[in-house]
Structures are given as C-alpha cells and as structure tokens.
Amino acid sequence: MLGECTNLPTDDRLASIFELLGSQSVSDIISETPDTNDGKEFSGLARSLTNAARQALKKLGQYNEKDKRLPRLHLLILSGTHILVGLAYRTQSSPNAGGIMHLKLPKDAPSRAILKLEEAAISLLTIPEREHWLRSGMSAVDLGAAPGGWTWWLAQQGLLITAIDNANMSEAVMKTGQVEHIRADGFAWHPRHSVHWLCCDMVEQPDRVATLVTKWLKEGWAQAALFNLKLPMKKRYGMIQECMATLNTLRDTHVLRAQQLYHDREEITVLALPIA
C-alpha cells in the first residue's frame, strides 16, 4: 500500500494520488469499491477515475500497458473523498476488480453451485492443468452430488461422473447421459477402480471431509480431489488449521492449494493434485 488519501477535493482527486505514486510507472489501473450496497454507489466514480488517471499517466509517460513487468495501480474508493492507494504486481494480485470473478449462470444449470466449481477450476488450476485434468472421457466421483450442480459442470467438460447421493438428481443432469447416480452414503461408498477426480461439496463438518478426502487419495481411489470445507460459525481459523494438518499428510504425493473464493465465502476450497 502506498498510502491513504483523505479529505480529497472533489475537483482534483488525482493530484494526491499521483503524489503518492511519485515517478513509478504502471501497466494498468484498477479502481475498486467495497463489495457492499454502500460501496456500489461509487462504481461510477471508479470508472471515471480510472479513465482520468490512465489518460493523465499516459501524458506523464508513466503508463505502459504492454510492459507486464510493471505493477498495477490499485485505487480502493471508500467514499468520494477517501481513497486507498496501492501497487501490486500481476503475479501477486487478481486481475479482477475487488478480486471478484463475475461468472454467468447457464440457463439450464441445476443450481448456482456450478459457479463455485467453475471459479475453483479457474483460480486453482493453471491453464495447462485444466487442459490435462479436465479432458473428455476422464472419470469423476461427486460425493453428496444432489441436485447436481457440480456433476452438471463436470459433464459439460466431457467427464463421466458417478454421483453419490441418497437424494434425487436433477433431470438436466441425468439427461447428459454421462452420469451414473448411486443412492449411497458418501462417507461409506468408494469405487472398485481408481477414478481421476474426487469432488465433494457435502454440507458436513470440515474435519470429517478432510479425513475422508485424505483416505480416498491415500487408498488410491482417486488421483486428484477438489472439495469444500464448510466454515463453522466460531473458531474458523482453528478448524481450518486442523483440517490442513490432516491434508498435509498428503504432501509427499500431492500438491495442495487452498483458497477462499468469492462464490463460496463461507467455505475454503481445496485442490489436491498428484505431484507427478
């Protein structure tokens, strides 16, 4: 963070911002507002301030969008007279304003849960990893699948899915022709042969899910896993530490990545990929 601008004159906000920036050149400008109803009131100001700052920095010779080595200028607009100013390199920040990945829910999707899985695939897997691990014909098990949001998204990637849930799956999911629905307890069932993916979005205690996924990967029932750990109302950090301690026993065989995503802010999404 470069600094905080307060009591800004509404007719010249850029002067104070540029004073903090100094002679530093940037490759982009991202103006953001808090993700609240009050914050959204300043979305128009964010757009106009971005455009004005870009033009002014071009004239000063401090804007070069082609040089990706340069940091981005981030402006967090708290009010019309209060702005936080910071710099962040592309490798250390989200390209989306506010870190929010805006995804569109397909018309025939069975639930909004697909947005969580899509954001997880984009955020936690690199492009080469997505090309390798989300190929047509690969296999997946979706524990606690009903009504089938995650199963539906996996089917759109061409995967063949075994959906485990005692509840009914949506008609749209079963119409894909790529899903076998087995009515069973997700904590008791496991496949006879190894599958490529284990996916799990069950509403269960996070430590139970972490233990279950660890067992699947150690037993070789699945090669990779993508799952959510539902955060409890209290002692969230302690619970996540406990879950990650369990999952860290996989470090010799798997790469672990965990992130709190925009579309599931009450959960931690975890990816486990084989090291090889």
C-alpha atoms as a PDB file:
ATOM      1  CA  MET A   1       0.000   0.000   0.000  1.00  0.00           C
ATOM      2  CA  LEU A   2       1.339   3.410  -0.962  1.00  0.00           C
ATOM      3  CA  GLY A   3      -0.879   5.426   1.326  1.00  0.00           C
ATOM      4  CA  GLU A   4      -4.275   6.823   2.190  1.00  0.00           C
ATOM      5  CA  CYS A   5      -5.862   9.926   0.688  1.00  0.00           C
ATOM      6  CA  THR A   6      -8.441  11.644   2.874  1.00  0.00           C
ATOM      7  CA  ASN A   7     -10.386  14.887   2.579  1.00  0.00           C
ATOM      8  CA  LEU A   8      -9.830  14.841  -1.183  1.00  0.00           C
ATOM      9  CA  PRO A   9     -11.117  17.829  -3.141  1.00  0.00           C
ATOM     10  CA  THR A  10     -13.803  16.567  -5.484  1.00  0.00           C
ATOM     11  CA  ASP A  11     -12.461  18.699  -8.344  1.00  0.00           C
ATOM     12  CA  ASP A  12      -8.925  17.209  -8.220  1.00  0.00           C
ATOM     13  CA  ARG A  13      -8.577  13.790  -6.639  1.00  0.00           C
ATOM     14  CA  LEU A  14      -5.696  12.727  -8.890  1.00  0.00           C
ATOM     15  CA  ALA A  15      -3.131  15.190  -7.509  1.00  0.00           C
ATOM     16  CA  SER A  16      -2.955  13.488  -4.116  1.00  0.00           C
ATOM     17  CA  ILE A  17      -2.951  10.030  -5.718  1.00  0.00           C
ATOM     18  CA  PHE A  18      -0.099  10.922  -8.076  1.00  0.00           C
ATOM     19  CA  GLU A  19       1.862  12.436  -5.202  1.00  0.00           C
ATOM     20  CA  LEU A  20       1.858   9.012  -3.545  1.00  0.00           C
ATOM     21  CA  LEU A  21       2.701   7.284  -6.825  1.00  0.00           C
ATOM     22  CA  GLY A  22       5.709   9.518  -7.472  1.00  0.00           C
ATOM     23  CA  SER A  23       7.686   8.628 -10.589  1.00  0.00           C
ATOM     24  CA  GLN A  24       6.596   4.965 -10.587  1.00  0.00           C
ATOM     25  CA  SER A  25       5.235   3.725 -13.928  1.00  0.00           C
ATOM     26  CA  VAL A  26       2.322   1.269 -14.075  1.00  0.00           C
ATOM     27  CA  SER A  27       0.849  -1.138 -16.602  1.00  0.00           C
ATOM     28  CA  ASP A  28      -2.784  -0.900 -15.543  1.00  0.00           C
ATOM     29  CA  ILE A  29      -5.168   0.883 -13.202  1.00  0.00           C
ATOM     30  CA  ILE A  30      -7.869  -0.894 -11.241  1.00  0.00           C
ATOM     31  CA  SER A  31     -10.353   1.201  -9.277  1.00  0.00           C
ATOM     32  CA  GLU A  32     -12.339  -0.806  -6.755  1.00  0.00           C
ATOM     33  CA  THR A  33     -15.145  -0.276  -4.281  1.00  0.00           C
ATOM     34  CA  PRO A  34     -16.157  -2.322  -1.220  1.00  0.00           C
ATOM     35  CA  ASP A  35     -18.478  -5.221  -2.088  1.00  0.00           C
ATOM     36  CA  THR A  36     -21.396  -3.661  -0.213  1.00  0.00           C
ATOM     37  CA  ASN A  37     -24.532  -1.749  -1.179  1.00  0.00           C
ATOM     38  CA  ASP A  38     -22.907   1.479   0.017  1.00  0.00           C
ATOM     39  CA  GLY A  39     -19.726   0.694  -1.892  1.00  0.00           C
ATOM     40  CA  LYS A  40     -21.605   0.098  -5.136  1.00  0.00           C
ATOM     41  CA  GLU A  41     -22.744   3.737  -5.063  1.00  0.00           C
ATOM     42  CA  PHE A  42     -19.192   4.705  -6.070  1.00  0.00           C
ATOM     43  CA  SER A  43     -18.943   2.395  -9.105  1.00  0.00           C
ATOM     44  CA  GLY A  44     -19.485   5.345 -11.460  1.00  0.00           C
ATOM     45  CA  LEU A  45     -16.723   7.307  -9.745  1.00  0.00           C
ATOM     46  CA  ALA A  46     -14.444   4.270 -10.031  1.00  0.00           C
ATOM     47  CA  ARG A  47     -14.914   4.120 -13.816  1.00  0.00           C
ATOM     48  CA  SER A  48     -14.388   7.834 -14.357  1.00  0.00           C
ATOM     49  CA  LEU A  49     -11.374   7.954 -12.046  1.00  0.00           C
ATOM     50  CA  THR A  50      -9.774   5.016 -13.875  1.00  0.00           C
ATOM     51  CA  ASN A  51     -10.172   6.697 -17.251  1.00  0.00           C
ATOM     52  CA  ALA A  52      -8.917  10.062 -15.997  1.00  0.00           C
ATOM     53  CA  ALA A  53      -5.892   8.521 -14.245  1.00  0.00           C
ATOM     54  CA  ARG A  54      -4.986   6.477 -17.316  1.00  0.00           C
ATOM     55  CA  GLN A  55      -5.019   9.492 -19.608  1.00  0.00           C
ATOM     56  CA  ALA A  56      -3.074  11.627 -17.138  1.00  0.00           C
ATOM     57  CA  LEU A  57      -0.378   8.990 -16.609  1.00  0.00           C
ATOM     58  CA  LYS A  58      -0.018   8.485 -20.366  1.00  0.00           C
ATOM     59  CA  LYS A  59       0.768  12.188 -20.728  1.00  0.00           C
ATOM     60  CA  LEU A  60       3.312  11.878 -17.919  1.00  0.00           C
ATOM     61  CA  GLY A  61       4.923   8.868 -19.593  1.00  0.00           C
ATOM     62  CA  GLN A  62       4.121   6.645 -16.596  1.00  0.00           C
ATOM     63  CA  TYR A  63       1.639   4.280 -18.239  1.00  0.00           C
ATOM     64  CA  ASN A  64       2.720   1.326 -20.380  1.00  0.00           C
ATOM     65  CA  GLU A  65       0.128  -1.442 -20.624  1.00  0.00           C
ATOM     66  CA  LYS A  66       2.446  -3.564 -22.795  1.00  0.00           C
ATOM     67  CA  ASP A  67       5.108  -3.872 -20.086  1.00  0.00           C
ATOM     68  CA  LYS A  68       3.651  -6.631 -17.889  1.00  0.00           C
ATOM     69  CA  ARG A  69       6.633  -6.356 -15.535  1.00  0.00           C
ATOM     70  CA  LEU A  70       5.266  -3.073 -14.220  1.00  0.00           C
ATOM     71  CA  PRO A  71       2.839  -3.137 -11.279  1.00  0.00           C
ATOM     72  CA  ARG A  72      -0.806  -2.215 -11.414  1.00  0.00           C
ATOM     73  CA  LEU A  73      -2.105   0.879  -9.644  1.00  0.00           C
ATOM     74  CA  HIS A  74      -4.985  -0.067  -7.326  1.00  0.00           C
ATOM     75  CA  LEU A  75      -7.433   2.530  -6.023  1.00  0.00           C
ATOM     76  CA  LEU A  76      -9.901   1.481  -3.327  1.00  0.00           C
ATOM     77  CA  ILE A  77     -12.648   4.088  -3.195  1.00  0.00           C
ATOM     78  CA  LEU A  78     -14.188   4.221   0.262  1.00  0.00           C
ATOM     79  CA  SER A  79     -16.012   7.498  -0.407  1.00  0.00           C
ATOM     80  CA  GLY A  80     -15.818  10.454  -2.752  1.00  0.00           C
ATOM     81  CA  THR A  81     -13.105  11.974  -0.557  1.00  0.00           C
ATOM     82  CA  HIS A  82     -11.397   8.871   0.857  1.00  0.00           C
ATOM     83  CA  ILE A  83      -9.248   6.580  -1.333  1.00  0.00           C
ATOM     84  CA  LEU A  84      -6.628   3.954  -0.507  1.00  0.00           C
ATOM     85  CA  VAL A  85      -3.747   3.791  -3.000  1.00  0.00           C
ATOM     86  CA  GLY A  86      -1.564   0.754  -3.626  1.00  0.00           C
ATOM     87  CA  LEU A  87       0.629  -1.088  -6.120  1.00  0.00           C
ATOM     88  CA  ALA A  88       0.578  -4.801  -6.913  1.00  0.00           C
ATOM     89  CA  TYR A  89       2.415  -6.904  -9.466  1.00  0.00           C
ATOM     90  CA  ARG A  90       0.393  -9.158 -11.753  1.00  0.00           C
ATOM     91  CA  THR A  91       1.791 -12.331 -10.208  1.00  0.00           C
ATOM     92  CA  GLN A  92       0.645 -11.204  -6.770  1.00  0.00           C
ATOM     93  CA  SER A  93      -2.846  -9.877  -7.430  1.00  0.00           C
ATOM     94  CA  SER A  94      -6.142 -10.694  -9.064  1.00  0.00           C
ATOM     95  CA  PRO A  95      -6.862  -9.172 -12.493  1.00  0.00           C
ATOM     96  CA  ASN A  96     -10.480  -8.707 -11.394  1.00  0.00           C
ATOM     97  CA  ALA A  97     -11.628  -5.563  -9.629  1.00  0.00           C
ATOM     98  CA  GLY A  98     -12.175  -6.386  -5.974  1.00  0.00           C
ATOM     99  CA  GLY A  99     -10.913  -9.880  -6.673  1.00  0.00           C
ATOM    100  CA  ILE A 100     -14.422 -10.772  -7.841  1.00  0.00           C
ATOM    101  CA  MET A 101     -14.692 -13.203 -10.725  1.00  0.00           C
ATOM    102  CA  HIS A 102     -18.081 -12.450 -12.287  1.00  0.00           C
ATOM    103  CA  LEU A 103     -19.418 -15.651 -13.824  1.00  0.00           C
ATOM    104  CA  LYS A 104     -22.662 -16.162 -15.700  1.00  0.00           C
ATOM    105  CA  LEU A 105     -25.015 -18.917 -14.590  1.00  0.00           C
ATOM    106  CA  PRO A 106     -26.040 -21.018 -17.627  1.00  0.00           C
ATOM    107  CA  LYS A 107     -29.780 -21.095 -18.250  1.00  0.00           C
ATOM    108  CA  ASP A 108     -30.158 -24.864 -17.840  1.00  0.00           C
ATOM    109  CA  ALA A 109     -27.812 -25.261 -14.848  1.00  0.00           C
ATOM    110  CA  PRO A 110     -29.477 -27.157 -11.961  1.00  0.00           C
ATOM    111  CA  SER A 111     -28.074 -24.900  -9.211  1.00  0.00           C
ATOM    112  CA  ARG A 112     -25.787 -21.952  -8.524  1.00  0.00           C
ATOM    113  CA  ALA A 113     -23.234 -24.388  -7.083  1.00  0.00           C
ATOM    114  CA  ILE A 114     -21.661 -24.659 -10.530  1.00  0.00           C
ATOM    115  CA  LEU A 115     -20.312 -21.122 -10.110  1.00  0.00           C
ATOM    116  CA  LYS A 116     -18.243 -22.310  -7.148  1.00  0.00           C
ATOM    117  CA  LEU A 117     -16.732 -25.153  -9.132  1.00  0.00           C
ATOM    118  CA  GLU A 118     -16.077 -23.023 -12.198  1.00  0.00           C
ATOM    119  CA  GLU A 119     -14.322 -20.347 -10.148  1.00  0.00           C
ATOM    120  CA  ALA A 120     -12.301 -23.041  -8.376  1.00  0.00           C
ATOM    121  CA  ALA A 121     -11.184 -24.549 -11.687  1.00  0.00           C
ATOM    122  CA  ILE A 122     -10.097 -21.143 -12.985  1.00  0.00           C
ATOM    123  CA  SER A 123      -8.452 -19.990  -9.742  1.00  0.00           C
ATOM    124  CA  LEU A 124      -6.747 -23.167  -8.529  1.00  0.00           C
ATOM    125  CA  LEU A 125      -5.762 -24.870 -11.787  1.00  0.00           C
ATOM    126  CA  THR A 126      -3.367 -23.397 -14.335  1.00  0.00           C
ATOM    127  CA  ILE A 127      -4.396 -23.430 -17.992  1.00  0.00           C
ATOM    128  CA  PRO A 128      -2.119 -26.426 -18.786  1.00  0.00           C
ATOM    129  CA  GLU A 129      -3.511 -28.251 -15.744  1.00  0.00           C
ATOM    130  CA  ARG A 130      -7.089 -27.622 -16.844  1.00  0.00           C
ATOM    131  CA  GLU A 131      -6.254 -28.910 -20.333  1.00  0.00           C
ATOM    132  CA  HIS A 132      -4.719 -32.058 -18.848  1.00  0.00           C
ATOM    133  CA  TRP A 133      -7.101 -32.784 -15.982  1.00  0.00           C
ATOM    134  CA  LEU A 134     -10.459 -31.751 -17.468  1.00  0.00           C
ATOM    135  CA  ARG A 135     -10.433 -33.793 -20.652  1.00  0.00           C
ATOM    136  CA  SER A 136     -13.338 -35.576 -22.285  1.00  0.00           C
ATOM    137  CA  GLY A 137     -13.646 -39.177 -21.144  1.00  0.00           C
ATOM    138  CA  MET A 138     -11.985 -38.718 -17.750  1.00  0.00           C
ATOM    139  CA  SER A 139     -13.784 -40.069 -14.689  1.00  0.00           C
ATOM    140  CA  ALA A 140     -15.018 -38.384 -11.525  1.00  0.00           C
ATOM    141  CA  VAL A 141     -16.969 -39.177  -8.378  1.00  0.00           C
ATOM    142  CA  ASP A 142     -19.150 -36.428  -6.910  1.00  0.00           C
ATOM    143  CA  LEU A 143     -19.939 -37.107  -3.246  1.00  0.00           C
ATOM    144  CA  GLY A 144     -23.134 -35.507  -1.977  1.00  0.00           C
ATOM    145  CA  ALA A 145     -23.982 -34.638  -5.546  1.00  0.00           C
ATOM    146  CA  ALA A 146     -27.731 -33.798  -5.448  1.00  0.00           C
ATOM    147  CA  PRO A 147     -29.276 -31.841  -7.032  1.00  0.00           C
ATOM    148  CA  GLY A 148     -26.261 -31.960  -9.311  1.00  0.00           C
ATOM    149  CA  GLY A 149     -24.634 -28.558  -9.800  1.00  0.00           C
ATOM    150  CA  TRP A 150     -21.068 -29.840  -9.651  1.00  0.00           C
ATOM    151  CA  THR A 151     -21.970 -33.010 -11.566  1.00  0.00           C
ATOM    152  CA  TRP A 152     -23.549 -30.933 -14.338  1.00  0.00           C
ATOM    153  CA  TRP A 153     -20.451 -28.718 -14.680  1.00  0.00           C
ATOM    154  CA  LEU A 154     -18.154 -31.740 -14.831  1.00  0.00           C
ATOM    155  CA  ALA A 155     -20.360 -33.250 -17.532  1.00  0.00           C
ATOM    156  CA  GLN A 156     -20.024 -30.047 -19.572  1.00  0.00           C
ATOM    157  CA  GLN A 157     -16.251 -30.624 -19.541  1.00  0.00           C
ATOM    158  CA  GLY A 158     -16.812 -34.083 -21.022  1.00  0.00           C
ATOM    159  CA  LEU A 159     -16.178 -36.118 -17.869  1.00  0.00           C
ATOM    160  CA  LEU A 160     -18.025 -39.303 -16.913  1.00  0.00           C
ATOM    161  CA  ILE A 161     -19.384 -38.929 -13.387  1.00  0.00           C
ATOM    162  CA  THR A 162     -20.605 -41.227 -10.645  1.00  0.00           C
ATOM    163  CA  ALA A 163     -22.954 -39.142  -8.498  1.00  0.00           C
ATOM    164  CA  ILE A 164     -23.294 -40.373  -4.906  1.00  0.00           C
ATOM    165  CA  ASP A 165     -26.328 -39.117  -3.003  1.00  0.00           C
ATOM    166  CA  ASN A 166     -29.477 -40.576  -1.455  1.00  0.00           C
ATOM    167  CA  ALA A 167     -31.482 -37.616  -2.793  1.00  0.00           C
ATOM    168  CA  ASN A 168     -32.732 -37.211  -6.359  1.00  0.00           C
ATOM    169  CA  MET A 169     -30.565 -35.732  -9.101  1.00  0.00           C
ATOM    170  CA  SER A 170     -31.959 -33.038 -11.384  1.00  0.00           C
ATOM    171  CA  GLU A 171     -33.426 -34.092 -14.713  1.00  0.00           C
ATOM    172  CA  ALA A 172     -30.998 -31.811 -16.588  1.00  0.00           C
ATOM    173  CA  VAL A 173     -28.055 -33.671 -15.056  1.00  0.00           C
ATOM    174  CA  MET A 174     -29.309 -37.129 -15.917  1.00  0.00           C
ATOM    175  CA  LYS A 175     -30.149 -36.062 -19.474  1.00  0.00           C
ATOM    176  CA  THR A 176     -26.446 -35.541 -20.185  1.00  0.00           C
ATOM    177  CA  GLY A 177     -26.036 -39.303 -20.468  1.00  0.00           C
ATOM    178  CA  GLN A 178     -22.696 -39.026 -18.664  1.00  0.00           C
ATOM    179  CA  VAL A 179     -23.895 -39.619 -15.107  1.00  0.00           C
ATOM    180  CA  GLU A 180     -24.481 -42.748 -13.065  1.00  0.00           C
ATOM    181  CA  HIS A 181     -26.493 -41.989  -9.934  1.00  0.00           C
ATOM    182  CA  ILE A 182     -25.893 -44.271  -6.945  1.00  0.00           C
ATOM    183  CA  ARG A 183     -28.020 -43.821  -3.823  1.00  0.00           C
ATOM    184  CA  ALA A 184     -25.497 -44.292  -1.040  1.00  0.00           C
ATOM    185  CA  ASP A 185     -23.807 -42.605   1.924  1.00  0.00           C
ATOM    186  CA  GLY A 186     -20.897 -40.506   0.689  1.00  0.00           C
ATOM    187  CA  PHE A 187     -18.853 -41.428   3.767  1.00  0.00           C
ATOM    188  CA  ALA A 188     -19.293 -45.173   3.246  1.00  0.00           C
ATOM    189  CA  TRP A 189     -19.153 -45.673  -0.527  1.00  0.00           C
ATOM    190  CA  HIS A 190     -15.961 -45.943  -2.583  1.00  0.00           C
ATOM    191  CA  PRO A 191     -15.241 -47.133  -6.146  1.00  0.00           C
ATOM    192  CA  ARG A 192     -13.851 -50.526  -7.106  1.00  0.00           C
ATOM    193  CA  HIS A 193     -11.403 -48.908  -9.511  1.00  0.00           C
ATOM    194  CA  SER A 194      -9.468 -45.648  -9.294  1.00  0.00           C
ATOM    195  CA  VAL A 195     -11.023 -42.537 -10.829  1.00  0.00           C
ATOM    196  CA  HIS A 196      -9.338 -39.347 -11.993  1.00  0.00           C
ATOM    197  CA  TRP A 197     -11.287 -36.968  -9.725  1.00  0.00           C
ATOM    198  CA  LEU A 198     -12.947 -36.933  -6.342  1.00  0.00           C
ATOM    199  CA  CYS A 199     -15.244 -33.908  -5.921  1.00  0.00           C
ATOM    200  CA  CYS A 200     -17.106 -33.116  -2.747  1.00  0.00           C
ATOM    201  CA  ASP A 201     -19.371 -30.242  -1.714  1.00  0.00           C
ATOM    202  CA  MET A 202     -21.163 -32.005   1.138  1.00  0.00           C
ATOM    203  CA  VAL A 203     -22.580 -29.936   3.968  1.00  0.00           C
ATOM    204  CA  GLU A 204     -20.626 -31.745   6.671  1.00  0.00           C
ATOM    205  CA  GLN A 205     -18.138 -30.983   9.420  1.00  0.00           C
ATOM    206  CA  PRO A 206     -14.932 -29.855   7.667  1.00  0.00           C
ATOM    207  CA  ASP A 207     -12.678 -32.183   9.666  1.00  0.00           C
ATOM    208  CA  ARG A 208     -14.776 -35.176   8.545  1.00  0.00           C
ATOM    209  CA  VAL A 209     -14.455 -34.107   4.914  1.00  0.00           C
ATOM    210  CA  ALA A 210     -10.693 -33.550   5.210  1.00  0.00           C
ATOM    211  CA  THR A 211     -10.248 -37.009   6.741  1.00  0.00           C
ATOM    212  CA  LEU A 212     -12.436 -38.600   4.047  1.00  0.00           C
ATOM    213  CA  VAL A 213     -10.583 -36.970   1.147  1.00  0.00           C
ATOM    214  CA  THR A 214      -7.218 -37.888   2.663  1.00  0.00           C
ATOM    215  CA  LYS A 215      -8.317 -41.515   2.872  1.00  0.00           C
ATOM    216  CA  TRP A 216      -9.514 -41.538  -0.767  1.00  0.00           C
ATOM    217  CA  LEU A 217      -6.193 -40.230  -2.043  1.00  0.00           C
ATOM    218  CA  LYS A 218      -4.043 -42.462   0.155  1.00  0.00           C
ATOM    219  CA  GLU A 219      -6.057 -45.537  -0.818  1.00  0.00           C
ATOM    220  CA  GLY A 220      -5.722 -44.620  -4.482  1.00  0.00           C
ATOM    221  CA  TRP A 221      -9.489 -44.470  -5.034  1.00  0.00           C
ATOM    222  CA  ALA A 222      -8.946 -41.105  -6.788  1.00  0.00           C
ATOM    223  CA  GLN A 223      -5.904 -39.424  -8.299  1.00  0.00           C
ATOM    224  CA  ALA A 224      -6.928 -35.807  -7.659  1.00  0.00           C
ATOM    225  CA  ALA A 225      -9.502 -34.057  -5.486  1.00  0.00           C
ATOM    226  CA  LEU A 226     -11.406 -30.767  -5.429  1.00  0.00           C
ATOM    227  CA  PHE A 227     -13.582 -30.144  -2.396  1.00  0.00           C
ATOM    228  CA  ASN A 228     -15.024 -27.606   0.002  1.00  0.00           C
ATOM    229  CA  LEU A 229     -14.516 -27.277   3.742  1.00  0.00           C
ATOM    230  CA  LYS A 230     -17.576 -25.572   5.252  1.00  0.00           C
ATOM    231  CA  LEU A 231     -16.529 -22.988   7.830  1.00  0.00           C
ATOM    232  CA  PRO A 232     -18.122 -23.248  11.289  1.00  0.00           C
ATOM    233  CA  MET A 233     -19.699 -20.196  12.883  1.00  0.00           C
ATOM    234  CA  LYS A 234     -16.951 -19.965  15.528  1.00  0.00           C
ATOM    235  CA  LYS A 235     -13.244 -20.813  15.719  1.00  0.00           C
ATOM    236  CA  ARG A 236     -12.935 -20.906  11.950  1.00  0.00           C
ATOM    237  CA  TYR A 237      -9.193 -20.419  11.799  1.00  0.00           C
ATOM    238  CA  GLY A 238      -8.536 -23.175  14.299  1.00  0.00           C
ATOM    239  CA  MET A 239     -10.747 -25.601  12.401  1.00  0.00           C
ATOM    240  CA  ILE A 240      -9.026 -24.847   9.085  1.00  0.00           C
ATOM    241  CA  GLN A 241      -5.632 -25.361  10.742  1.00  0.00           C
ATOM    242  CA  GLU A 242      -6.823 -28.754  11.984  1.00  0.00           C
ATOM    243  CA  CYS A 243      -8.113 -29.729   8.526  1.00  0.00           C
ATOM    244  CA  MET A 244      -4.927 -28.625   6.775  1.00  0.00           C
ATOM    245  CA  ALA A 245      -2.842 -30.608   9.281  1.00  0.00           C
ATOM    246  CA  THR A 246      -4.756 -33.705   8.184  1.00  0.00           C
ATOM    247  CA  LEU A 247      -4.379 -32.864   4.488  1.00  0.00           C
ATOM    248  CA  ASN A 248      -0.686 -32.052   4.872  1.00  0.00           C
ATOM    249  CA  THR A 249      -0.024 -35.758   5.356  1.00  0.00           C
ATOM    250  CA  LEU A 250      -0.504 -35.899   1.551  1.00  0.00           C
ATOM    251  CA  ARG A 251       2.391 -33.507   0.862  1.00  0.00           C
ATOM    252  CA  ASP A 252       4.727 -36.280  -0.278  1.00  0.00           C
ATOM    253  CA  THR A 253       2.366 -37.302  -3.061  1.00  0.00           C
ATOM    254  CA  HIS A 254       0.168 -34.305  -3.816  1.00  0.00           C
ATOM    255  CA  VAL A 255       0.338 -30.561  -4.345  1.00  0.00           C
ATOM    256  CA  LEU A 256      -2.215 -28.792  -2.127  1.00  0.00           C
ATOM    257  CA  ARG A 257      -3.799 -25.418  -2.898  1.00  0.00           C
ATOM    258  CA  ALA A 258      -6.485 -23.785  -0.764  1.00  0.00           C
ATOM    259  CA  GLN A 259      -8.373 -20.566  -1.310  1.00  0.00           C
ATOM    260  CA  GLN A 260     -11.471 -18.755  -0.088  1.00  0.00           C
ATOM    261  CA  LEU A 261     -13.351 -17.957  -3.286  1.00  0.00           C
ATOM    262  CA  TYR A 262     -15.886 -15.227  -3.980  1.00  0.00           C
ATOM    263  CA  HIS A 263     -18.726 -17.619  -4.817  1.00  0.00           C
ATOM    264  CA  ASP A 264     -18.303 -19.610  -1.596  1.00  0.00           C
ATOM    265  CA  ARG A 265     -17.180 -17.140   1.011  1.00  0.00           C
ATOM    266  CA  GLU A 266     -18.374 -19.342   3.886  1.00  0.00           C
ATOM    267  CA  GLU A 267     -16.096 -22.150   2.735  1.00  0.00           C
ATOM    268  CA  ILE A 268     -12.489 -22.957   1.905  1.00  0.00           C
ATOM    269  CA  THR A 269     -11.967 -24.678  -1.438  1.00  0.00           C
ATOM    270  CA  VAL A 270      -9.066 -27.128  -1.606  1.00  0.00           C
ATOM    271  CA  LEU A 271      -7.353 -28.742  -4.590  1.00  0.00           C
ATOM    272  CA  ALA A 272      -5.086 -31.791  -4.351  1.00  0.00           C
ATOM    273  CA  LEU A 273      -3.148 -32.761  -7.481  1.00  0.00           C
ATOM    274  CA  PRO A 274      -0.638 -35.616  -7.827  1.00  0.00           C
ATOM    275  CA  ILE A 275       2.936 -34.294  -7.827  1.00  0.00           C
ATOM    276  CA  ALA A 276       3.760 -36.315 -10.932  1.00  0.00           C
END
